[in-house]
Amino acid sequence: MSARTRRHAVLRPRLRVLRGDEVALGPGKVALLEAIGRERTMAGAARALGMSYMRAWTLARTMNRSFRRPLVEAARGGSGRGATRLTRAGTAVLRLYREMERRSLGAAAAPWRRLRRRLKP
């Protein structure tokens, strides 16, 4: 890591949607949704994120249980290959989460500028 990289301060909001004590949606689950969208299989998405297949399915089940409509669905494939995809609801939830992140950065801009001045160069 260069000296310049170490000194550059960045604000990165981490939003979590709680449903009771359970995290229905947060940075890790959003990363999983994005990986499922890219990889088209749960195994591929899990591998891309460095998590176990079982952990990925546990997160997907939690999201599906938390929302009115499932965000992720699996289809059995031929020859032992299945596919996993985002549902329409999953795509919408992902888009809304990213919008909330962008808006939170905008809302925090003024205090962030003041806080950043207090950081070491």
N, C-alpha and C. Protein backbone atom coordinates (compact mmCIF):
# COMPACT_ATOMS: atom_id res chain seq x y z
N MET A 1 0.84 -1.17 0.00
CA MET A 1 0.00 0.00 0.00
C MET A 1 0.89 1.24 0.00
N SER A 2 0.64 2.15 -0.91
CA SER A 2 1.46 3.36 -1.00
C SER A 2 1.08 4.35 0.09
N ALA A 3 1.97 5.31 0.32
CA ALA A 3 1.70 6.34 1.32
C ALA A 3 0.45 7.13 0.93
N ARG A 4 0.29 7.37 -0.36
CA ARG A 4 -0.87 8.12 -0.81
C ARG A 4 -2.16 7.35 -0.53
N THR A 5 -2.17 6.06 -0.76
CA THR A 5 -3.35 5.23 -0.52
C THR A 5 -3.71 5.23 0.97
N ARG A 6 -2.70 5.14 1.81
CA ARG A 6 -2.96 5.12 3.26
C ARG A 6 -3.59 6.42 3.73
N ARG A 7 -3.23 7.53 3.13
CA ARG A 7 -3.70 8.83 3.60
C ARG A 7 -5.05 9.24 3.04
N HIS A 8 -5.47 8.64 1.98
CA HIS A 8 -6.72 9.04 1.34
C HIS A 8 -7.91 8.49 2.13
N ALA A 9 -8.70 9.37 2.72
CA ALA A 9 -9.85 8.95 3.51
C ALA A 9 -11.09 8.83 2.62
N VAL A 10 -11.88 7.79 2.86
CA VAL A 10 -13.07 7.52 2.07
C VAL A 10 -14.23 7.24 3.02
N LEU A 11 -15.37 7.77 2.71
CA LEU A 11 -16.58 7.47 3.46
C LEU A 11 -17.31 6.35 2.75
N ARG A 12 -17.57 5.28 3.46
CA ARG A 12 -18.26 4.13 2.86
C ARG A 12 -19.41 3.72 3.79
N PRO A 13 -20.62 4.16 3.49
CA PRO A 13 -21.75 3.79 4.35
C PRO A 13 -22.04 2.30 4.25
N ARG A 14 -22.45 1.72 5.35
CA ARG A 14 -22.81 0.30 5.39
C ARG A 14 -24.23 0.21 5.94
N LEU A 15 -25.16 0.09 5.05
CA LEU A 15 -26.57 0.03 5.44
C LEU A 15 -26.97 -1.40 5.72
N ARG A 16 -27.82 -1.57 6.73
CA ARG A 16 -28.37 -2.89 7.04
C ARG A 16 -29.87 -2.73 7.25
N VAL A 17 -30.61 -3.62 6.64
CA VAL A 17 -32.05 -3.66 6.82
C VAL A 17 -32.32 -4.79 7.80
N LEU A 18 -32.85 -4.44 8.96
CA LEU A 18 -33.14 -5.43 9.99
C LEU A 18 -34.63 -5.76 9.99
N ARG A 19 -34.90 -7.00 10.18
CA ARG A 19 -36.27 -7.49 10.35
C ARG A 19 -36.26 -8.26 11.65
N GLY A 20 -36.68 -7.60 12.73
CA GLY A 20 -36.48 -8.15 14.06
C GLY A 20 -34.99 -8.14 14.35
N ASP A 21 -34.45 -9.25 14.80
CA ASP A 21 -33.01 -9.35 15.07
C ASP A 21 -32.22 -9.84 13.87
N GLU A 22 -32.91 -10.14 12.79
CA GLU A 22 -32.26 -10.73 11.62
C GLU A 22 -31.91 -9.65 10.59
N VAL A 23 -30.73 -9.76 10.02
CA VAL A 23 -30.33 -8.84 8.94
C VAL A 23 -30.95 -9.37 7.65
N ALA A 24 -31.96 -8.64 7.15
CA ALA A 24 -32.62 -9.04 5.92
C ALA A 24 -31.77 -8.69 4.71
N LEU A 25 -31.03 -7.59 4.82
CA LEU A 25 -30.22 -7.13 3.70
C LEU A 25 -29.10 -6.26 4.24
N GLY A 26 -27.92 -6.46 3.73
CA GLY A 26 -26.75 -5.67 4.12
C GLY A 26 -25.67 -5.84 3.08
N PRO A 27 -24.49 -5.30 3.34
CA PRO A 27 -23.42 -5.35 2.33
C PRO A 27 -23.07 -6.75 1.85
N GLY A 28 -23.00 -7.72 2.73
CA GLY A 28 -22.65 -9.08 2.33
C GLY A 28 -23.72 -9.73 1.48
N LYS A 29 -24.97 -9.54 1.85
CA LYS A 29 -26.07 -10.12 1.09
C LYS A 29 -26.21 -9.44 -0.26
N VAL A 30 -25.96 -8.14 -0.31
CA VAL A 30 -26.00 -7.42 -1.59
C VAL A 30 -24.87 -7.92 -2.50
N ALA A 31 -23.71 -8.13 -1.93
CA ALA A 31 -22.60 -8.68 -2.73
C ALA A 31 -22.97 -10.06 -3.28
N LEU A 32 -23.67 -10.86 -2.48
CA LEU A 32 -24.11 -12.18 -2.95
C LEU A 32 -25.12 -12.04 -4.09
N LEU A 33 -26.08 -11.13 -3.95
CA LEU A 33 -27.05 -10.92 -5.03
C LEU A 33 -26.34 -10.52 -6.32
N GLU A 34 -25.37 -9.62 -6.22
CA GLU A 34 -24.63 -9.20 -7.40
C GLU A 34 -23.85 -10.36 -8.02
N ALA A 35 -23.24 -11.18 -7.17
CA ALA A 35 -22.48 -12.33 -7.66
C ALA A 35 -23.39 -13.35 -8.33
N ILE A 36 -24.58 -13.57 -7.78
CA ILE A 36 -25.54 -14.48 -8.40
C ILE A 36 -25.93 -13.94 -9.78
N GLY A 37 -26.14 -12.64 -9.86
CA GLY A 37 -26.47 -12.03 -11.14
C GLY A 37 -25.38 -12.24 -12.18
N ARG A 38 -24.12 -12.18 -11.76
CA ARG A 38 -22.98 -12.37 -12.68
C ARG A 38 -22.73 -13.83 -13.01
N GLU A 39 -22.71 -14.67 -11.98
CA GLU A 39 -22.25 -16.06 -12.13
C GLU A 39 -23.34 -17.02 -12.57
N ARG A 40 -24.58 -16.72 -12.26
CA ARG A 40 -25.72 -17.55 -12.65
C ARG A 40 -25.79 -18.91 -11.95
N THR A 41 -24.90 -19.16 -11.01
CA THR A 41 -25.01 -20.36 -10.17
C THR A 41 -24.63 -19.96 -8.75
N MET A 42 -25.22 -20.67 -7.79
CA MET A 42 -24.88 -20.37 -6.40
C MET A 42 -23.45 -20.79 -6.11
N ALA A 43 -23.01 -21.90 -6.69
CA ALA A 43 -21.63 -22.34 -6.46
C ALA A 43 -20.65 -21.31 -7.01
N GLY A 44 -20.92 -20.78 -8.19
CA GLY A 44 -20.05 -19.77 -8.78
C GLY A 44 -20.05 -18.48 -7.97
N ALA A 45 -21.23 -18.07 -7.50
CA ALA A 45 -21.33 -16.85 -6.69
C ALA A 45 -20.57 -17.03 -5.38
N ALA A 46 -20.74 -18.17 -4.73
CA ALA A 46 -20.04 -18.45 -3.48
C ALA A 46 -18.53 -18.44 -3.69
N ARG A 47 -18.09 -19.10 -4.73
CA ARG A 47 -16.65 -19.16 -5.05
C ARG A 47 -16.10 -17.76 -5.30
N ALA A 48 -16.84 -16.94 -6.04
CA ALA A 48 -16.39 -15.58 -6.36
C ALA A 48 -16.25 -14.73 -5.10
N LEU A 49 -17.04 -15.03 -4.08
CA LEU A 49 -16.99 -14.26 -2.83
C LEU A 49 -16.14 -14.92 -1.76
N GLY A 50 -15.60 -16.09 -2.06
CA GLY A 50 -14.77 -16.78 -1.07
C GLY A 50 -15.56 -17.32 0.10
N MET A 51 -16.81 -17.72 -0.14
CA MET A 51 -17.62 -18.29 0.94
C MET A 51 -18.07 -19.69 0.54
N SER A 52 -18.51 -20.42 1.52
CA SER A 52 -18.96 -21.78 1.22
C SER A 52 -20.32 -21.74 0.53
N TYR A 53 -20.57 -22.78 -0.21
CA TYR A 53 -21.85 -22.94 -0.90
C TYR A 53 -23.00 -22.92 0.11
N MET A 54 -22.82 -23.62 1.22
CA MET A 54 -23.87 -23.67 2.25
C MET A 54 -24.12 -22.29 2.86
N ARG A 55 -23.06 -21.54 3.10
CA ARG A 55 -23.21 -20.18 3.64
C ARG A 55 -23.98 -19.30 2.66
N ALA A 56 -23.67 -19.41 1.38
CA ALA A 56 -24.36 -18.62 0.36
C ALA A 56 -25.85 -18.95 0.36
N TRP A 57 -26.18 -20.24 0.43
CA TRP A 57 -27.60 -20.61 0.45
C TRP A 57 -28.29 -20.17 1.73
N THR A 58 -27.57 -20.19 2.84
CA THR A 58 -28.15 -19.70 4.10
C THR A 58 -28.51 -18.23 3.99
N LEU A 59 -27.61 -17.44 3.40
CA LEU A 59 -27.88 -16.01 3.22
C LEU A 59 -29.06 -15.80 2.26
N ALA A 60 -29.09 -16.58 1.18
CA ALA A 60 -30.19 -16.47 0.21
C ALA A 60 -31.53 -16.83 0.85
N ARG A 61 -31.54 -17.89 1.66
CA ARG A 61 -32.79 -18.28 2.34
C ARG A 61 -33.25 -17.19 3.30
N THR A 62 -32.31 -16.58 4.01
CA THR A 62 -32.67 -15.49 4.92
C THR A 62 -33.31 -14.34 4.15
N MET A 63 -32.71 -13.97 3.02
CA MET A 63 -33.30 -12.89 2.21
C MET A 63 -34.68 -13.29 1.70
N ASN A 64 -34.82 -14.49 1.17
CA ASN A 64 -36.11 -14.94 0.65
C ASN A 64 -37.18 -14.95 1.72
N ARG A 65 -36.81 -15.34 2.93
CA ARG A 65 -37.75 -15.39 4.05
C ARG A 65 -38.14 -13.98 4.51
N SER A 66 -37.26 -13.01 4.30
CA SER A 66 -37.47 -11.65 4.81
C SER A 66 -38.32 -10.76 3.91
N PHE A 67 -38.40 -11.08 2.65
CA PHE A 67 -39.13 -10.24 1.70
C PHE A 67 -40.43 -10.90 1.26
N ARG A 68 -41.37 -10.09 0.82
CA ARG A 68 -42.67 -10.61 0.40
C ARG A 68 -42.56 -11.61 -0.74
N ARG A 69 -41.63 -11.33 -1.65
CA ARG A 69 -41.38 -12.24 -2.77
C ARG A 69 -39.93 -12.67 -2.71
N PRO A 70 -39.61 -13.88 -3.13
CA PRO A 70 -38.22 -14.34 -3.10
C PRO A 70 -37.33 -13.48 -3.98
N LEU A 71 -36.09 -13.30 -3.53
CA LEU A 71 -35.11 -12.52 -4.29
C LEU A 71 -34.25 -13.42 -5.17
N VAL A 72 -34.14 -14.68 -4.78
CA VAL A 72 -33.28 -15.64 -5.47
C VAL A 72 -34.08 -16.92 -5.69
N GLU A 73 -33.91 -17.50 -6.87
CA GLU A 73 -34.54 -18.80 -7.09
C GLU A 73 -33.58 -19.72 -7.84
N ALA A 74 -33.74 -21.00 -7.56
CA ALA A 74 -32.87 -22.01 -8.17
C ALA A 74 -33.69 -22.84 -9.13
N ALA A 75 -33.01 -23.29 -10.17
CA ALA A 75 -33.63 -24.21 -11.13
C ALA A 75 -32.70 -25.40 -11.28
N ARG A 76 -33.25 -26.57 -11.18
CA ARG A 76 -32.43 -27.76 -11.37
C ARG A 76 -32.08 -27.88 -12.84
N GLY A 77 -30.86 -28.24 -13.08
CA GLY A 77 -30.41 -28.37 -14.47
C GLY A 77 -30.18 -29.81 -14.83
N GLY A 78 -29.95 -30.05 -16.07
CA GLY A 78 -29.62 -31.40 -16.51
C GLY A 78 -28.19 -31.73 -16.17
N SER A 79 -27.86 -32.99 -16.11
CA SER A 79 -26.50 -33.48 -15.84
C SER A 79 -25.91 -32.91 -14.57
N GLY A 80 -26.74 -32.70 -13.55
CA GLY A 80 -26.22 -32.24 -12.27
C GLY A 80 -25.92 -30.76 -12.19
N ARG A 81 -26.19 -30.00 -13.24
CA ARG A 81 -25.92 -28.56 -13.22
C ARG A 81 -27.23 -27.82 -13.04
N GLY A 82 -27.26 -26.95 -12.07
CA GLY A 82 -28.43 -26.13 -11.86
C GLY A 82 -28.08 -24.68 -12.07
N ALA A 83 -29.07 -23.86 -12.08
CA ALA A 83 -28.86 -22.42 -12.23
C ALA A 83 -29.51 -21.71 -11.06
N THR A 84 -28.98 -20.59 -10.72
CA THR A 84 -29.56 -19.73 -9.70
C THR A 84 -29.70 -18.37 -10.33
N ARG A 85 -30.81 -17.71 -10.07
CA ARG A 85 -30.99 -16.39 -10.67
C ARG A 85 -31.67 -15.45 -9.71
N LEU A 86 -31.49 -14.17 -9.97
CA LEU A 86 -32.23 -13.15 -9.25
C LEU A 86 -33.63 -13.09 -9.84
N THR A 87 -34.61 -12.97 -8.98
CA THR A 87 -35.97 -12.77 -9.46
C THR A 87 -36.13 -11.30 -9.79
N ARG A 88 -37.28 -10.95 -10.32
CA ARG A 88 -37.58 -9.55 -10.57
C ARG A 88 -37.50 -8.76 -9.26
N ALA A 89 -38.03 -9.35 -8.19
CA ALA A 89 -37.97 -8.70 -6.87
C ALA A 89 -36.52 -8.53 -6.43
N GLY A 90 -35.69 -9.53 -6.68
CA GLY A 90 -34.27 -9.45 -6.30
C GLY A 90 -33.56 -8.33 -7.02
N THR A 91 -33.84 -8.19 -8.31
CA THR A 91 -33.23 -7.12 -9.09
C THR A 91 -33.68 -5.76 -8.57
N ALA A 92 -34.96 -5.64 -8.25
CA ALA A 92 -35.50 -4.37 -7.73
C ALA A 92 -34.89 -4.03 -6.37
N VAL A 93 -34.80 -5.02 -5.48
CA VAL A 93 -34.23 -4.79 -4.15
C VAL A 93 -32.77 -4.38 -4.25
N LEU A 94 -32.03 -5.01 -5.11
CA LEU A 94 -30.62 -4.67 -5.33
C LEU A 94 -30.50 -3.22 -5.81
N ARG A 95 -31.31 -2.84 -6.77
CA ARG A 95 -31.29 -1.47 -7.30
C ARG A 95 -31.65 -0.45 -6.21
N LEU A 96 -32.66 -0.76 -5.40
CA LEU A 96 -33.08 0.15 -4.33
C LEU A 96 -31.99 0.30 -3.26
N TYR A 97 -31.34 -0.80 -2.92
CA TYR A 97 -30.26 -0.75 -1.93
C TYR A 97 -29.14 0.16 -2.42
N ARG A 98 -28.73 0.01 -3.67
CA ARG A 98 -27.65 0.84 -4.23
C ARG A 98 -28.08 2.31 -4.29
N GLU A 99 -29.35 2.55 -4.55
CA GLU A 99 -29.85 3.93 -4.54
C GLU A 99 -29.78 4.51 -3.13
N MET A 100 -30.14 3.72 -2.12
CA MET A 100 -30.05 4.19 -0.73
C MET A 100 -28.61 4.51 -0.36
N GLU A 101 -27.67 3.69 -0.81
CA GLU A 101 -26.25 3.98 -0.56
C GLU A 101 -25.85 5.31 -1.17
N ARG A 102 -26.20 5.52 -2.43
CA ARG A 102 -25.85 6.77 -3.11
C ARG A 102 -26.46 7.97 -2.39
N ARG A 103 -27.71 7.85 -2.02
CA ARG A 103 -28.38 8.97 -1.34
C ARG A 103 -27.78 9.23 0.04
N SER A 104 -27.38 8.19 0.73
CA SER A 104 -26.78 8.39 2.06
C SER A 104 -25.46 9.13 1.94
N LEU A 105 -24.70 8.86 0.89
CA LEU A 105 -23.46 9.61 0.65
C LEU A 105 -23.75 11.09 0.42
N GLY A 106 -24.78 11.36 -0.35
CA GLY A 106 -25.17 12.75 -0.60
C GLY A 106 -25.59 13.44 0.68
N ALA A 107 -26.36 12.75 1.52
CA ALA A 107 -26.83 13.34 2.78
C ALA A 107 -25.68 13.58 3.75
N ALA A 108 -24.64 12.78 3.67
CA ALA A 108 -23.52 12.90 4.59
C ALA A 108 -22.41 13.82 4.07
N ALA A 109 -22.56 14.35 2.88
CA ALA A 109 -21.46 15.10 2.23
C ALA A 109 -20.95 16.26 3.08
N ALA A 110 -21.81 17.11 3.58
CA ALA A 110 -21.35 18.30 4.33
C ALA A 110 -20.66 17.91 5.64
N PRO A 111 -21.27 17.08 6.49
CA PRO A 111 -20.55 16.70 7.71
C PRO A 111 -19.27 15.91 7.40
N TRP A 112 -19.27 15.12 6.34
CA TRP A 112 -18.09 14.36 5.95
C TRP A 112 -16.94 15.31 5.62
N ARG A 113 -17.22 16.38 4.90
CA ARG A 113 -16.16 17.35 4.59
C ARG A 113 -15.57 17.92 5.88
N ARG A 114 -16.44 18.25 6.83
CA ARG A 114 -15.95 18.80 8.11
C ARG A 114 -15.15 17.76 8.90
N LEU A 115 -15.61 16.54 8.90
CA LEU A 115 -14.91 15.47 9.61
C LEU A 115 -13.56 15.18 8.96
N ARG A 116 -13.54 15.16 7.64
CA ARG A 116 -12.31 14.85 6.91
C ARG A 116 -11.21 15.85 7.24
N ARG A 117 -11.57 17.10 7.47
CA ARG A 117 -10.57 18.10 7.86
C ARG A 117 -9.90 17.79 9.18
N ARG A 118 -10.54 16.99 10.01
CA ARG A 118 -9.99 16.64 11.32
C ARG A 118 -9.07 15.42 11.26
N LEU A 119 -9.05 14.74 10.12
CA LEU A 119 -8.18 13.57 9.97
C LEU A 119 -6.76 14.02 9.69
N LYS A 120 -5.82 13.18 10.08
CA LYS A 120 -4.42 13.44 9.76
C LYS A 120 -4.24 13.38 8.25
N PRO A 121 -3.32 14.21 7.70
CA PRO A 121 -3.08 14.15 6.25
C PRO A 121 -2.39 12.86 5.85
